[in-house]
Amino acid sequence: MSDETPISGSTTPGWFDISSPDAARARQFYQEMFGWPIHAIDDTYALVGGPPAGGIGQAGPDSPYTGIVVYFPVDDVETALLRAEKLGGSRTMDPQSVPGMGRIAVFTDPDGNAVGLKSP
């Protein structure tokens, strides 16, 4: 166990993303399952209202993951991603800017679970 101070941010998820080989089917499933309000941006991605808000997107051959990823707010995505790697995680998606969201990145923990990071 590391004696360094943990990355600051929130332990409450700030966003979720579901990546599916059939995004239209996934949107219909979750809308009917949970009554989520869904706003399709295009054929490949839709926004889900609520707290926490999220999205459902089309997974393709170059997608960094398939399934659900929960994004946790951090002060700085790059710093948090480096810390995850130092602790045994592996980078899955490099930091990138997303309009209206800020910066995001994804890593896998030592057990292979995908975890997202989100910063302003």
PDB file of N, CA and C in Angstrom:
ATOM      1  N   MET A   1       0.854  -1.178   0.000  1.00  0.00           N
ATOM      2  CA  MET A   1       0.000   0.000   0.000  1.00  0.00           C
ATOM      3  C   MET A   1       0.895   1.235   0.000  1.00  0.00           C
ATOM      4  N   SER A   2       0.523   2.202  -0.786  1.00  0.00           N
ATOM      5  CA  SER A   2       1.308   3.418  -0.911  1.00  0.00           C
ATOM      6  C   SER A   2       1.017   4.357   0.253  1.00  0.00           C
ATOM      7  N   ASP A   3       2.046   5.071   0.695  1.00  0.00           N
ATOM      8  CA  ASP A   3       1.842   6.057   1.756  1.00  0.00           C
ATOM      9  C   ASP A   3       1.676   7.460   1.175  1.00  0.00           C
ATOM     10  N   GLU A   4       1.593   7.562  -0.161  1.00  0.00           N
ATOM     11  CA  GLU A   4       1.371   8.858  -0.794  1.00  0.00           C
ATOM     12  C   GLU A   4      -0.080   9.279  -0.625  1.00  0.00           C
ATOM     13  N   THR A   5      -0.311  10.575  -0.682  1.00  0.00           N
ATOM     14  CA  THR A   5      -1.662  11.109  -0.586  1.00  0.00           C
ATOM     15  C   THR A   5      -2.448  10.726  -1.831  1.00  0.00           C
ATOM     16  N   PRO A   6      -3.680  10.239  -1.693  1.00  0.00           N
ATOM     17  CA  PRO A   6      -4.499   9.889  -2.858  1.00  0.00           C
ATOM     18  C   PRO A   6      -4.779  11.109  -3.727  1.00  0.00           C
ATOM     19  N   ILE A   7      -5.109  10.850  -4.966  1.00  0.00           N
ATOM     20  CA  ILE A   7      -5.492  11.897  -5.908  1.00  0.00           C
ATOM     21  C   ILE A   7      -6.743  12.581  -5.370  1.00  0.00           C
ATOM     22  N   SER A   8      -6.760  13.918  -5.408  1.00  0.00           N
ATOM     23  CA  SER A   8      -7.955  14.607  -4.939  1.00  0.00           C
ATOM     24  C   SER A   8      -9.016  14.598  -6.023  1.00  0.00           C
ATOM     25  N   GLY A   9     -10.239  14.656  -5.602  1.00  0.00           N
ATOM     26  CA  GLY A   9     -11.378  14.610  -6.505  1.00  0.00           C
ATOM     27  C   GLY A   9     -12.574  14.129  -5.706  1.00  0.00           C
ATOM     28  N   SER A  10     -13.409  13.358  -6.337  1.00  0.00           N
ATOM     29  CA  SER A  10     -14.613  12.877  -5.687  1.00  0.00           C
ATOM     30  C   SER A  10     -14.704  11.374  -5.824  1.00  0.00           C
ATOM     31  N   THR A  11     -15.226  10.710  -4.797  1.00  0.00           N
ATOM     32  CA  THR A  11     -15.460   9.280  -4.896  1.00  0.00           C
ATOM     33  C   THR A  11     -16.833   8.994  -5.480  1.00  0.00           C
ATOM     34  N   THR A  12     -17.589  10.048  -5.781  1.00  0.00           N
ATOM     35  CA  THR A  12     -18.894   9.902  -6.411  1.00  0.00           C
ATOM     36  C   THR A  12     -18.708   9.952  -7.926  1.00  0.00           C
ATOM     37  N   PRO A  13     -19.244   8.957  -8.656  1.00  0.00           N
ATOM     38  CA  PRO A  13     -19.095   8.989 -10.112  1.00  0.00           C
ATOM     39  C   PRO A  13     -19.631  10.296 -10.698  1.00  0.00           C
ATOM     40  N   GLY A  14     -18.918  10.812 -11.686  1.00  0.00           N
ATOM     41  CA  GLY A  14     -19.328  12.048 -12.333  1.00  0.00           C
ATOM     42  C   GLY A  14     -19.894  11.817 -13.718  1.00  0.00           C
ATOM     43  N   TRP A  15     -19.733  10.604 -14.263  1.00  0.00           N
ATOM     44  CA  TRP A  15     -20.188  10.297 -15.605  1.00  0.00           C
ATOM     45  C   TRP A  15     -20.080   8.795 -15.788  1.00  0.00           C
ATOM     46  N   PHE A  16     -20.930   8.224 -16.630  1.00  0.00           N
ATOM     47  CA  PHE A  16     -20.750   6.833 -17.025  1.00  0.00           C
ATOM     48  C   PHE A  16     -20.864   6.757 -18.533  1.00  0.00           C
ATOM     49  N   ASP A  17     -20.249   5.740 -19.095  1.00  0.00           N
ATOM     50  CA  ASP A  17     -20.297   5.549 -20.526  1.00  0.00           C
ATOM     51  C   ASP A  17     -20.477   4.062 -20.798  1.00  0.00           C
ATOM     52  N   ILE A  18     -21.454   3.736 -21.625  1.00  0.00           N
ATOM     53  CA  ILE A  18     -21.690   2.354 -22.027  1.00  0.00           C
ATOM     54  C   ILE A  18     -21.331   2.264 -23.499  1.00  0.00           C
ATOM     55  N   SER A  19     -20.370   1.403 -23.815  1.00  0.00           N
ATOM     56  CA  SER A  19     -19.923   1.209 -25.184  1.00  0.00           C
ATOM     57  C   SER A  19     -20.389  -0.172 -25.634  1.00  0.00           C
ATOM     58  N   SER A  20     -21.173  -0.208 -26.714  1.00  0.00           N
ATOM     59  CA  SER A  20     -21.819  -1.443 -27.153  1.00  0.00           C
ATOM     60  C   SER A  20     -21.587  -1.697 -28.641  1.00  0.00           C
ATOM     61  N   PRO A  21     -21.468  -2.960 -29.046  1.00  0.00           N
ATOM     62  CA  PRO A  21     -21.386  -3.262 -30.474  1.00  0.00           C
ATOM     63  C   PRO A  21     -22.688  -2.923 -31.215  1.00  0.00           C
ATOM     64  N   ASP A  22     -23.785  -2.749 -30.463  1.00  0.00           N
ATOM     65  CA  ASP A  22     -25.070  -2.366 -31.049  1.00  0.00           C
ATOM     66  C   ASP A  22     -25.670  -1.248 -30.191  1.00  0.00           C
ATOM     67  N   ALA A  23     -25.221  -0.010 -30.457  1.00  0.00           N
ATOM     68  CA  ALA A  23     -25.618   1.138 -29.629  1.00  0.00           C
ATOM     69  C   ALA A  23     -27.124   1.366 -29.638  1.00  0.00           C
ATOM     70  N   ALA A  24     -27.779   1.173 -30.778  1.00  0.00           N
ATOM     71  CA  ALA A  24     -29.232   1.381 -30.849  1.00  0.00           C
ATOM     72  C   ALA A  24     -29.957   0.402 -29.921  1.00  0.00           C
ATOM     73  N   ARG A  25     -29.531  -0.846 -29.928  1.00  0.00           N
ATOM     74  CA  ARG A  25     -30.133  -1.851 -29.039  1.00  0.00           C
ATOM     75  C   ARG A  25     -29.878  -1.493 -27.577  1.00  0.00           C
ATOM     76  N   ALA A  26     -28.657  -1.060 -27.262  1.00  0.00           N
ATOM     77  CA  ALA A  26     -28.316  -0.699 -25.884  1.00  0.00           C
ATOM     78  C   ALA A  26     -29.147   0.499 -25.423  1.00  0.00           C
ATOM     79  N   ARG A  27     -29.296   1.509 -26.285  1.00  0.00           N
ATOM     80  CA  ARG A  27     -30.115   2.671 -25.919  1.00  0.00           C
ATOM     81  C   ARG A  27     -31.538   2.253 -25.601  1.00  0.00           C
ATOM     82  N   GLN A  28     -32.129   1.411 -26.441  1.00  0.00           N
ATOM     83  CA  GLN A  28     -33.499   0.958 -26.212  1.00  0.00           C
ATOM     84  C   GLN A  28     -33.600   0.145 -24.929  1.00  0.00           C
ATOM     85  N   PHE A  29     -32.647  -0.753 -24.707  1.00  0.00           N
ATOM     86  CA  PHE A  29     -32.654  -1.583 -23.507  1.00  0.00           C
ATOM     87  C   PHE A  29     -32.638  -0.732 -22.245  1.00  0.00           C
ATOM     88  N   TYR A  30     -31.682   0.192 -22.140  1.00  0.00           N
ATOM     89  CA  TYR A  30     -31.550   0.985 -20.918  1.00  0.00           C
ATOM     90  C   TYR A  30     -32.692   1.983 -20.751  1.00  0.00           C
ATOM     91  N   GLN A  31     -33.209   2.483 -21.845  1.00  0.00           N
ATOM     92  CA  GLN A  31     -34.351   3.392 -21.742  1.00  0.00           C
ATOM     93  C   GLN A  31     -35.565   2.640 -21.194  1.00  0.00           C
ATOM     94  N   GLU A  32     -35.793   1.433 -21.697  1.00  0.00           N
ATOM     95  CA  GLU A  32     -36.925   0.635 -21.213  1.00  0.00           C
ATOM     96  C   GLU A  32     -36.672   0.075 -19.818  1.00  0.00           C
ATOM     97  N   MET A  33     -35.436  -0.287 -19.523  1.00  0.00           N
ATOM     98  CA  MET A  33     -35.106  -0.860 -18.219  1.00  0.00           C
ATOM     99  C   MET A  33     -35.244   0.163 -17.089  1.00  0.00           C
ATOM    100  N   PHE A  34     -34.659   1.349 -17.282  1.00  0.00           N
ATOM    101  CA  PHE A  34     -34.599   2.333 -16.206  1.00  0.00           C
ATOM    102  C   PHE A  34     -35.410   3.592 -16.468  1.00  0.00           C
ATOM    103  N   GLY A  35     -36.019   3.715 -17.641  1.00  0.00           N
ATOM    104  CA  GLY A  35     -36.763   4.924 -17.968  1.00  0.00           C
ATOM    105  C   GLY A  35     -35.864   6.123 -18.185  1.00  0.00           C
ATOM    106  N   TRP A  36     -34.609   5.877 -18.535  1.00  0.00           N
ATOM    107  CA  TRP A  36     -33.664   6.973 -18.729  1.00  0.00           C
ATOM    108  C   TRP A  36     -34.085   7.868 -19.889  1.00  0.00           C
ATOM    109  N   PRO A  37     -34.016   9.189 -19.704  1.00  0.00           N
ATOM    110  CA  PRO A  37     -34.216  10.084 -20.846  1.00  0.00           C
ATOM    111  C   PRO A  37     -32.958  10.046 -21.714  1.00  0.00           C
ATOM    112  N   ILE A  38     -33.133   9.700 -22.972  1.00  0.00           N
ATOM    113  CA  ILE A  38     -31.995   9.541 -23.882  1.00  0.00           C
ATOM    114  C   ILE A  38     -32.141  10.492 -25.053  1.00  0.00           C
ATOM    115  N   HIS A  39     -31.059  11.220 -25.343  1.00  0.00           N
ATOM    116  CA  HIS A  39     -31.023  12.171 -26.455  1.00  0.00           C
ATOM    117  C   HIS A  39     -29.924  11.718 -27.422  1.00  0.00           C
ATOM    118  N   ALA A  40     -30.332  11.157 -28.564  1.00  0.00           N
ATOM    119  CA  ALA A  40     -29.367  10.710 -29.569  1.00  0.00           C
ATOM    120  C   ALA A  40     -28.719  11.915 -30.238  1.00  0.00           C
ATOM    121  N   ILE A  41     -27.408  11.951 -30.215  1.00  0.00           N
ATOM    122  CA  ILE A  41     -26.656  12.997 -30.906  1.00  0.00           C
ATOM    123  C   ILE A  41     -26.530  12.631 -32.380  1.00  0.00           C
ATOM    124  N   ASP A  42     -26.266  11.349 -32.632  1.00  0.00           N
ATOM    125  CA  ASP A  42     -26.202  10.805 -33.984  1.00  0.00           C
ATOM    126  C   ASP A  42     -26.414   9.299 -33.875  1.00  0.00           C
ATOM    127  N   ASP A  43     -26.116   8.539 -34.923  1.00  0.00           N
ATOM    128  CA  ASP A  43     -26.331   7.087 -34.890  1.00  0.00           C
ATOM    129  C   ASP A  43     -25.352   6.358 -33.975  1.00  0.00           C
ATOM    130  N   THR A  44     -24.281   7.043 -33.566  1.00  0.00           N
ATOM    131  CA  THR A  44     -23.245   6.360 -32.801  1.00  0.00           C
ATOM    132  C   THR A  44     -23.188   6.735 -31.322  1.00  0.00           C
ATOM    133  N   TYR A  45     -23.867   7.825 -30.912  1.00  0.00           N
ATOM    134  CA  TYR A  45     -23.750   8.239 -29.514  1.00  0.00           C
ATOM    135  C   TYR A  45     -25.015   8.948 -29.045  1.00  0.00           C
ATOM    136  N   ALA A  46     -25.371   8.678 -27.801  1.00  0.00           N
ATOM    137  CA  ALA A  46     -26.535   9.322 -27.184  1.00  0.00           C
ATOM    138  C   ALA A  46     -26.188   9.735 -25.773  1.00  0.00           C
ATOM    139  N   LEU A  47     -26.738  10.854 -25.344  1.00  0.00           N
ATOM    140  CA  LEU A  47     -26.566  11.331 -23.973  1.00  0.00           C
ATOM    141  C   LEU A  47     -27.702  10.802 -23.114  1.00  0.00           C
ATOM    142  N   VAL A  48     -27.375  10.461 -21.885  1.00  0.00           N
ATOM    143  CA  VAL A  48     -28.361   9.974 -20.918  1.00  0.00           C
ATOM    144  C   VAL A  48     -28.463  11.012 -19.816  1.00  0.00           C
ATOM    145  N   GLY A  49     -29.677  11.508 -19.550  1.00  0.00           N
ATOM    146  CA  GLY A  49     -29.881  12.479 -18.477  1.00  0.00           C
ATOM    147  C   GLY A  49     -29.958  11.785 -17.132  1.00  0.00           C
ATOM    148  N   GLY A  50     -29.815  12.531 -16.101  1.00  0.00           N
ATOM    149  CA  GLY A  50     -29.947  11.987 -14.759  1.00  0.00           C
ATOM    150  C   GLY A  50     -28.864  12.506 -13.867  1.00  0.00           C
ATOM    151  N   PRO A  51     -28.825  12.162 -12.606  1.00  0.00           N
ATOM    152  CA  PRO A  51     -27.507  12.107 -12.012  1.00  0.00           C
ATOM    153  C   PRO A  51     -27.195  10.651 -11.703  1.00  0.00           C
ATOM    154  N   PRO A  52     -25.989  10.166 -11.958  1.00  0.00           N
ATOM    155  CA  PRO A  52     -25.044  10.898 -12.799  1.00  0.00           C
ATOM    156  C   PRO A  52     -25.455  10.784 -14.252  1.00  0.00           C
ATOM    157  N   ALA A  53     -25.054  11.761 -15.029  1.00  0.00           N
ATOM    158  CA  ALA A  53     -25.319  11.738 -16.456  1.00  0.00           C
ATOM    159  C   ALA A  53     -24.335  10.786 -17.124  1.00  0.00           C
ATOM    160  N   GLY A  54     -24.661  10.404 -18.338  1.00  0.00           N
ATOM    161  CA  GLY A  54     -23.776   9.486 -19.032  1.00  0.00           C
ATOM    162  C   GLY A  54     -24.054   9.462 -20.514  1.00  0.00           C
ATOM    163  N   GLY A  55     -23.544   8.432 -21.144  1.00  0.00           N
ATOM    164  CA  GLY A  55     -23.726   8.278 -22.569  1.00  0.00           C
ATOM    165  C   GLY A  55     -23.709   6.816 -22.962  1.00  0.00           C
ATOM    166  N   ILE A  56     -24.279   6.538 -24.123  1.00  0.00           N
ATOM    167  CA  ILE A  56     -24.270   5.203 -24.703  1.00  0.00           C
ATOM    168  C   ILE A  56     -23.743   5.352 -26.119  1.00  0.00           C
ATOM    169  N   GLY A  57     -22.658   4.638 -26.432  1.00  0.00           N
ATOM    170  CA  GLY A  57     -22.028   4.796 -27.730  1.00  0.00           C
ATOM    171  C   GLY A  57     -21.766   3.488 -28.444  1.00  0.00           C
ATOM    172  N   GLN A  58     -21.467   3.622 -29.720  1.00  0.00           N
ATOM    173  CA  GLN A  58     -21.184   2.494 -30.595  1.00  0.00           C
ATOM    174  C   GLN A  58     -19.728   2.081 -30.427  1.00  0.00           C
ATOM    175  N   ALA A  59     -19.500   0.823 -30.064  1.00  0.00           N
ATOM    176  CA  ALA A  59     -18.140   0.290 -29.988  1.00  0.00           C
ATOM    177  C   ALA A  59     -17.742  -0.199 -31.375  1.00  0.00           C
ATOM    178  N   GLY A  60     -16.579   0.168 -31.792  1.00  0.00           N
ATOM    179  CA  GLY A  60     -16.058  -0.279 -33.075  1.00  0.00           C
ATOM    180  C   GLY A  60     -14.763  -1.033 -32.871  1.00  0.00           C
ATOM    181  N   PRO A  61     -14.109  -1.424 -33.949  1.00  0.00           N
ATOM    182  CA  PRO A  61     -12.873  -2.204 -33.818  1.00  0.00           C
ATOM    183  C   PRO A  61     -11.743  -1.453 -33.111  1.00  0.00           C
ATOM    184  N   ASP A  62     -11.775  -0.125 -33.134  1.00  0.00           N
ATOM    185  CA  ASP A  62     -10.725   0.660 -32.481  1.00  0.00           C
ATOM    186  C   ASP A  62     -11.151   1.221 -31.129  1.00  0.00           C
ATOM    187  N   SER A  63     -12.299   0.804 -30.614  1.00  0.00           N
ATOM    188  CA  SER A  63     -12.782   1.307 -29.321  1.00  0.00           C
ATOM    189  C   SER A  63     -11.834   0.873 -28.212  1.00  0.00           C
ATOM    190  N   PRO A  64     -11.561   1.779 -27.259  1.00  0.00           N
ATOM    191  CA  PRO A  64     -10.650   1.413 -26.170  1.00  0.00           C
ATOM    192  C   PRO A  64     -11.265   0.417 -25.184  1.00  0.00           C
ATOM    193  N   TYR A  65     -12.583   0.263 -25.205  1.00  0.00           N
ATOM    194  CA  TYR A  65     -13.249  -0.683 -24.315  1.00  0.00           C
ATOM    195  C   TYR A  65     -14.651  -0.963 -24.826  1.00  0.00           C
ATOM    196  N   THR A  66     -15.224  -2.057 -24.354  1.00  0.00           N
ATOM    197  CA  THR A  66     -16.630  -2.388 -24.570  1.00  0.00           C
ATOM    198  C   THR A  66     -17.204  -2.651 -23.194  1.00  0.00           C
ATOM    199  N   GLY A  67     -18.405  -2.189 -22.936  1.00  0.00           N
ATOM    200  CA  GLY A  67     -19.025  -2.364 -21.629  1.00  0.00           C
ATOM    201  C   GLY A  67     -19.245  -1.018 -20.979  1.00  0.00           C
ATOM    202  N   ILE A  68     -19.326  -1.037 -19.657  1.00  0.00           N
ATOM    203  CA  ILE A  68     -19.597   0.196 -18.924  1.00  0.00           C
ATOM    204  C   ILE A  68     -18.328   0.682 -18.219  1.00  0.00           C
ATOM    205  N   VAL A  69     -18.114   1.966 -18.288  1.00  0.00           N
ATOM    206  CA  VAL A  69     -17.008   2.599 -17.571  1.00  0.00           C
ATOM    207  C   VAL A  69     -17.589   3.743 -16.765  1.00  0.00           C
ATOM    208  N   VAL A  70     -17.226   3.780 -15.500  1.00  0.00           N
ATOM    209  CA  VAL A  70     -17.631   4.868 -14.614  1.00  0.00           C
ATOM    210  C   VAL A  70     -16.460   5.848 -14.542  1.00  0.00           C
ATOM    211  N   TYR A  71     -16.760   7.132 -14.735  1.00  0.00           N
ATOM    212  CA  TYR A  71     -15.743   8.186 -14.697  1.00  0.00           C
ATOM    213  C   TYR A  71     -15.805   8.895 -13.351  1.00  0.00           C
ATOM    214  N   PHE A  72     -14.655   9.006 -12.708  1.00  0.00           N
ATOM    215  CA  PHE A  72     -14.564   9.693 -11.430  1.00  0.00           C
ATOM    216  C   PHE A  72     -13.894  11.050 -11.624  1.00  0.00           C
ATOM    217  N   PRO A  73     -14.456  12.092 -11.023  1.00  0.00           N
ATOM    218  CA  PRO A  73     -13.848  13.420 -11.135  1.00  0.00           C
ATOM    219  C   PRO A  73     -12.512  13.491 -10.391  1.00  0.00           C
ATOM    220  N   VAL A  74     -11.520  14.077 -11.041  1.00  0.00           N
ATOM    221  CA  VAL A  74     -10.210  14.332 -10.440  1.00  0.00           C
ATOM    222  C   VAL A  74      -9.804  15.748 -10.820  1.00  0.00           C
ATOM    223  N   ASP A  75      -8.841  16.283 -10.095  1.00  0.00           N
ATOM    224  CA  ASP A  75      -8.384  17.635 -10.405  1.00  0.00           C
ATOM    225  C   ASP A  75      -7.628  17.699 -11.730  1.00  0.00           C
ATOM    226  N   ASP A  76      -6.859  16.648 -12.024  1.00  0.00           N
ATOM    227  CA  ASP A  76      -6.038  16.637 -13.228  1.00  0.00           C
ATOM    228  C   ASP A  76      -5.958  15.209 -13.771  1.00  0.00           C
ATOM    229  N   VAL A  77      -6.486  14.986 -14.975  1.00  0.00           N
ATOM    230  CA  VAL A  77      -6.532  13.652 -15.568  1.00  0.00           C
ATOM    231  C   VAL A  77      -5.128  13.075 -15.760  1.00  0.00           C
ATOM    232  N   GLU A  78      -4.200  13.867 -16.264  1.00  0.00           N
ATOM    233  CA  GLU A  78      -2.854  13.355 -16.527  1.00  0.00           C
ATOM    234  C   GLU A  78      -2.185  12.870 -15.250  1.00  0.00           C
ATOM    235  N   THR A  79      -2.270  13.665 -14.180  1.00  0.00           N
ATOM    236  CA  THR A  79      -1.666  13.293 -12.901  1.00  0.00           C
ATOM    237  C   THR A  79      -2.299  12.022 -12.351  1.00  0.00           C
ATOM    238  N   ALA A  80      -3.619  11.944 -12.415  1.00  0.00           N
ATOM    239  CA  ALA A  80      -4.320  10.761 -11.901  1.00  0.00           C
ATOM    240  C   ALA A  80      -3.983   9.523 -12.722  1.00  0.00           C
ATOM    241  N   LEU A  81      -3.860   9.659 -14.029  1.00  0.00           N
ATOM    242  CA  LEU A  81      -3.522   8.527 -14.886  1.00  0.00           C
ATOM    243  C   LEU A  81      -2.114   8.015 -14.587  1.00  0.00           C
ATOM    244  N   LEU A  82      -1.182   8.920 -14.391  1.00  0.00           N
ATOM    245  CA  LEU A  82       0.176   8.519 -14.021  1.00  0.00           C
ATOM    246  C   LEU A  82       0.187   7.784 -12.678  1.00  0.00           C
ATOM    247  N   ARG A  83      -0.603   8.256 -11.739  1.00  0.00           N
ATOM    248  CA  ARG A  83      -0.689   7.587 -10.431  1.00  0.00           C
ATOM    249  C   ARG A  83      -1.267   6.184 -10.591  1.00  0.00           C
ATOM    250  N   ALA A  84      -2.311   6.043 -11.405  1.00  0.00           N
ATOM    251  CA  ALA A  84      -2.894   4.716 -11.635  1.00  0.00           C
ATOM    252  C   ALA A  84      -1.844   3.761 -12.197  1.00  0.00           C
ATOM    253  N   GLU A  85      -1.048   4.242 -13.139  1.00  0.00           N
ATOM    254  CA  GLU A  85       0.006   3.400 -13.721  1.00  0.00           C
ATOM    255  C   GLU A  85       1.058   3.037 -12.677  1.00  0.00           C
ATOM    256  N   LYS A  86       1.434   3.983 -11.842  1.00  0.00           N
ATOM    257  CA  LYS A  86       2.418   3.726 -10.789  1.00  0.00           C
ATOM    258  C   LYS A  86       1.916   2.669  -9.802  1.00  0.00           C
ATOM    259  N   LEU A  87       0.598   2.631  -9.602  1.00  0.00           N
ATOM    260  CA  LEU A  87       0.008   1.681  -8.660  1.00  0.00           C
ATOM    261  C   LEU A  87      -0.317   0.329  -9.297  1.00  0.00           C
ATOM    262  N   GLY A  88       0.008   0.157 -10.576  1.00  0.00           N
ATOM    263  CA  GLY A  88      -0.205  -1.136 -11.225  1.00  0.00           C
ATOM    264  C   GLY A  88      -1.302  -1.159 -12.258  1.00  0.00           C
ATOM    265  N   GLY A  89      -1.927   0.000 -12.526  1.00  0.00           N
ATOM    266  CA  GLY A  89      -2.945   0.075 -13.564  1.00  0.00           C
ATOM    267  C   GLY A  89      -2.293   0.228 -14.927  1.00  0.00           C
ATOM    268  N   SER A  90      -3.094   0.077 -15.968  1.00  0.00           N
ATOM    269  CA  SER A  90      -2.606   0.212 -17.342  1.00  0.00           C
ATOM    270  C   SER A  90      -3.471   1.208 -18.107  1.00  0.00           C
ATOM    271  N   ARG A  91      -2.815   2.089 -18.814  1.00  0.00           N
ATOM    272  CA  ARG A  91      -3.485   3.094 -19.627  1.00  0.00           C
ATOM    273  C   ARG A  91      -4.262   2.402 -20.751  1.00  0.00           C
ATOM    274  N   THR A  92      -5.547   2.750 -20.877  1.00  0.00           N
ATOM    275  CA  THR A  92      -6.385   2.193 -21.942  1.00  0.00           C
ATOM    276  C   THR A  92      -6.731   3.260 -22.969  1.00  0.00           C
ATOM    277  N   MET A  93      -6.996   4.480 -22.497  1.00  0.00           N
ATOM    278  CA  MET A  93      -7.313   5.595 -23.385  1.00  0.00           C
ATOM    279  C   MET A  93      -6.549   6.817 -22.889  1.00  0.00           C
ATOM    280  N   ASP A  94      -5.710   7.359 -23.750  1.00  0.00           N
ATOM    281  CA  ASP A  94      -4.941   8.550 -23.390  1.00  0.00           C
ATOM    282  C   ASP A  94      -5.865   9.725 -23.104  1.00  0.00           C
ATOM    283  N   PRO A  95      -5.395  10.687 -22.309  1.00  0.00           N
ATOM    284  CA  PRO A  95      -6.200  11.873 -22.028  1.00  0.00           C
ATOM    285  C   PRO A  95      -6.599  12.588 -23.316  1.00  0.00           C
ATOM    286  N   GLN A  96      -7.844  13.028 -23.333  1.00  0.00           N
ATOM    287  CA  GLN A  96      -8.340  13.790 -24.474  1.00  0.00           C
ATOM    288  C   GLN A  96      -9.398  14.771 -24.010  1.00  0.00           C
ATOM    289  N   SER A  97      -9.536  15.839 -24.767  1.00  0.00           N
ATOM    290  CA  SER A  97     -10.542  16.853 -24.465  1.00  0.00           C
ATOM    291  C   SER A  97     -11.848  16.486 -25.152  1.00  0.00           C
ATOM    292  N   VAL A  98     -12.945  16.639 -24.401  1.00  0.00           N
ATOM    293  CA  VAL A  98     -14.279  16.365 -24.929  1.00  0.00           C
ATOM    294  C   VAL A  98     -15.115  17.620 -24.691  1.00  0.00           C
ATOM    295  N   PRO A  99     -15.661  18.192 -25.750  1.00  0.00           N
ATOM    296  CA  PRO A  99     -16.466  19.408 -25.588  1.00  0.00           C
ATOM    297  C   PRO A  99     -17.587  19.214 -24.566  1.00  0.00           C
ATOM    298  N   GLY A 100     -17.700  20.148 -23.647  1.00  0.00           N
ATOM    299  CA  GLY A 100     -18.743  20.102 -22.629  1.00  0.00           C
ATOM    300  C   GLY A 100     -18.437  19.211 -21.439  1.00  0.00           C
ATOM    301  N   MET A 101     -17.369  18.429 -21.500  1.00  0.00           N
ATOM    302  CA  MET A 101     -17.012  17.520 -20.404  1.00  0.00           C
ATOM    303  C   MET A 101     -15.685  17.858 -19.762  1.00  0.00           C
ATOM    304  N   GLY A 102     -14.770  18.403 -20.505  1.00  0.00           N
ATOM    305  CA  GLY A 102     -13.424  18.636 -19.999  1.00  0.00           C
ATOM    306  C   GLY A 102     -12.473  17.597 -20.569  1.00  0.00           C
ATOM    307  N   ARG A 103     -11.595  17.065 -19.718  1.00  0.00           N
ATOM    308  CA  ARG A 103     -10.617  16.058 -20.152  1.00  0.00           C
ATOM    309  C   ARG A 103     -11.004  14.713 -19.563  1.00  0.00           C
ATOM    310  N   ILE A 104     -10.830  13.656 -20.357  1.00  0.00           N
ATOM    311  CA  ILE A 104     -11.124  12.303 -19.894  1.00  0.00           C
ATOM    312  C   ILE A 104      -9.980  11.372 -20.262  1.00  0.00           C
ATOM    313  N   ALA A 105      -9.898  10.267 -19.551  1.00  0.00           N
ATOM    314  CA  ALA A 105      -8.950   9.191 -19.844  1.00  0.00           C
ATOM    315  C   ALA A 105      -9.509   7.926 -19.205  1.00  0.00           C
ATOM    316  N   VAL A 106      -8.999   6.768 -19.631  1.00  0.00           N
ATOM    317  CA  VAL A 106      -9.434   5.494 -19.070  1.00  0.00           C
ATOM    318  C   VAL A 106      -8.207   4.634 -18.792  1.00  0.00           C
ATOM    319  N   PHE A 107      -8.242   3.926 -17.663  1.00  0.00           N
ATOM    320  CA  PHE A 107      -7.205   2.947 -17.341  1.00  0.00           C
ATOM    321  C   PHE A 107      -7.878   1.668 -16.865  1.00  0.00           C
ATOM    322  N   THR A 108      -7.115   0.587 -16.844  1.00  0.00           N
ATOM    323  CA  THR A 108      -7.605  -0.636 -16.219  1.00  0.00           C
ATOM    324  C   THR A 108      -6.846  -0.818 -14.917  1.00  0.00           C
ATOM    325  N   ASP A 109      -7.572  -1.281 -13.900  1.00  0.00           N
ATOM    326  CA  ASP A 109      -6.929  -1.557 -12.614  1.00  0.00           C
ATOM    327  C   ASP A 109      -6.176  -2.886 -12.713  1.00  0.00           C
ATOM    328  N   PRO A 110      -5.456  -3.306 -11.667  1.00  0.00           N
ATOM    329  CA  PRO A 110      -4.685  -4.547 -11.752  1.00  0.00           C
ATOM    330  C   PRO A 110      -5.528  -5.787 -12.054  1.00  0.00           C
ATOM    331  N   ASP A 111      -6.839  -5.729 -11.859  1.00  0.00           N
ATOM    332  CA  ASP A 111      -7.708  -6.864 -12.165  1.00  0.00           C
ATOM    333  C   ASP A 111      -8.332  -6.769 -13.554  1.00  0.00           C
ATOM    334  N   GLY A 112      -8.027  -5.698 -14.295  1.00  0.00           N
ATOM    335  CA  GLY A 112      -8.547  -5.553 -15.646  1.00  0.00           C
ATOM    336  C   GLY A 112      -9.843  -4.772 -15.752  1.00  0.00           C
ATOM    337  N   ASN A 113     -10.314  -4.189 -14.654  1.00  0.00           N
ATOM    338  CA  ASN A 113     -11.539  -3.379 -14.677  1.00  0.00           C
ATOM    339  C   ASN A 113     -11.241  -2.003 -15.257  1.00  0.00           C
ATOM    340  N   ALA A 114     -12.062  -1.572 -16.211  1.00  0.00           N
ATOM    341  CA  ALA A 114     -11.885  -0.250 -16.808  1.00  0.00           C
ATOM    342  C   ALA A 114     -12.446   0.815 -15.882  1.00  0.00           C
ATOM    343  N   VAL A 115     -11.671   1.897 -15.681  1.00  0.00           N
ATOM    344  CA  VAL A 115     -12.051   2.997 -14.816  1.00  0.00           C
ATOM    345  C   VAL A 115     -11.765   4.296 -15.565  1.00  0.00           C
ATOM    346  N   GLY A 116     -12.728   5.227 -15.538  1.00  0.00           N
ATOM    347  CA  GLY A 116     -12.550   6.492 -16.208  1.00  0.00           C
ATOM    348  C   GLY A 116     -12.168   7.607 -15.266  1.00  0.00           C
ATOM    349  N   LEU A 117     -11.479   8.590 -15.803  1.00  0.00           N
ATOM    350  CA  LEU A 117     -11.093   9.799 -15.082  1.00  0.00           C
ATOM    351  C   LEU A 117     -11.654  10.994 -15.842  1.00  0.00           C
ATOM    352  N   LYS A 118     -12.085  12.007 -15.118  1.00  0.00           N
ATOM    353  CA  LYS A 118     -12.678  13.201 -15.725  1.00  0.00           C
ATOM    354  C   LYS A 118     -12.214  14.421 -14.954  1.00  0.00           C
ATOM    355  N   SER A 119     -11.716  15.436 -15.668  1.00  0.00           N
ATOM    356  CA  SER A 119     -11.319  16.676 -15.021  1.00  0.00           C
ATOM    357  C   SER A 119     -11.828  17.850 -15.852  1.00  0.00           C
ATOM    358  N   PRO A 120     -11.894  19.030 -15.198  1.00  0.00           N
ATOM    359  CA  PRO A 120     -12.362  20.215 -15.938  1.00  0.00           C
ATOM    360  C   PRO A 120     -11.466  20.553 -17.119  1.00  0.00           C
TER     361      PRO A 120
END
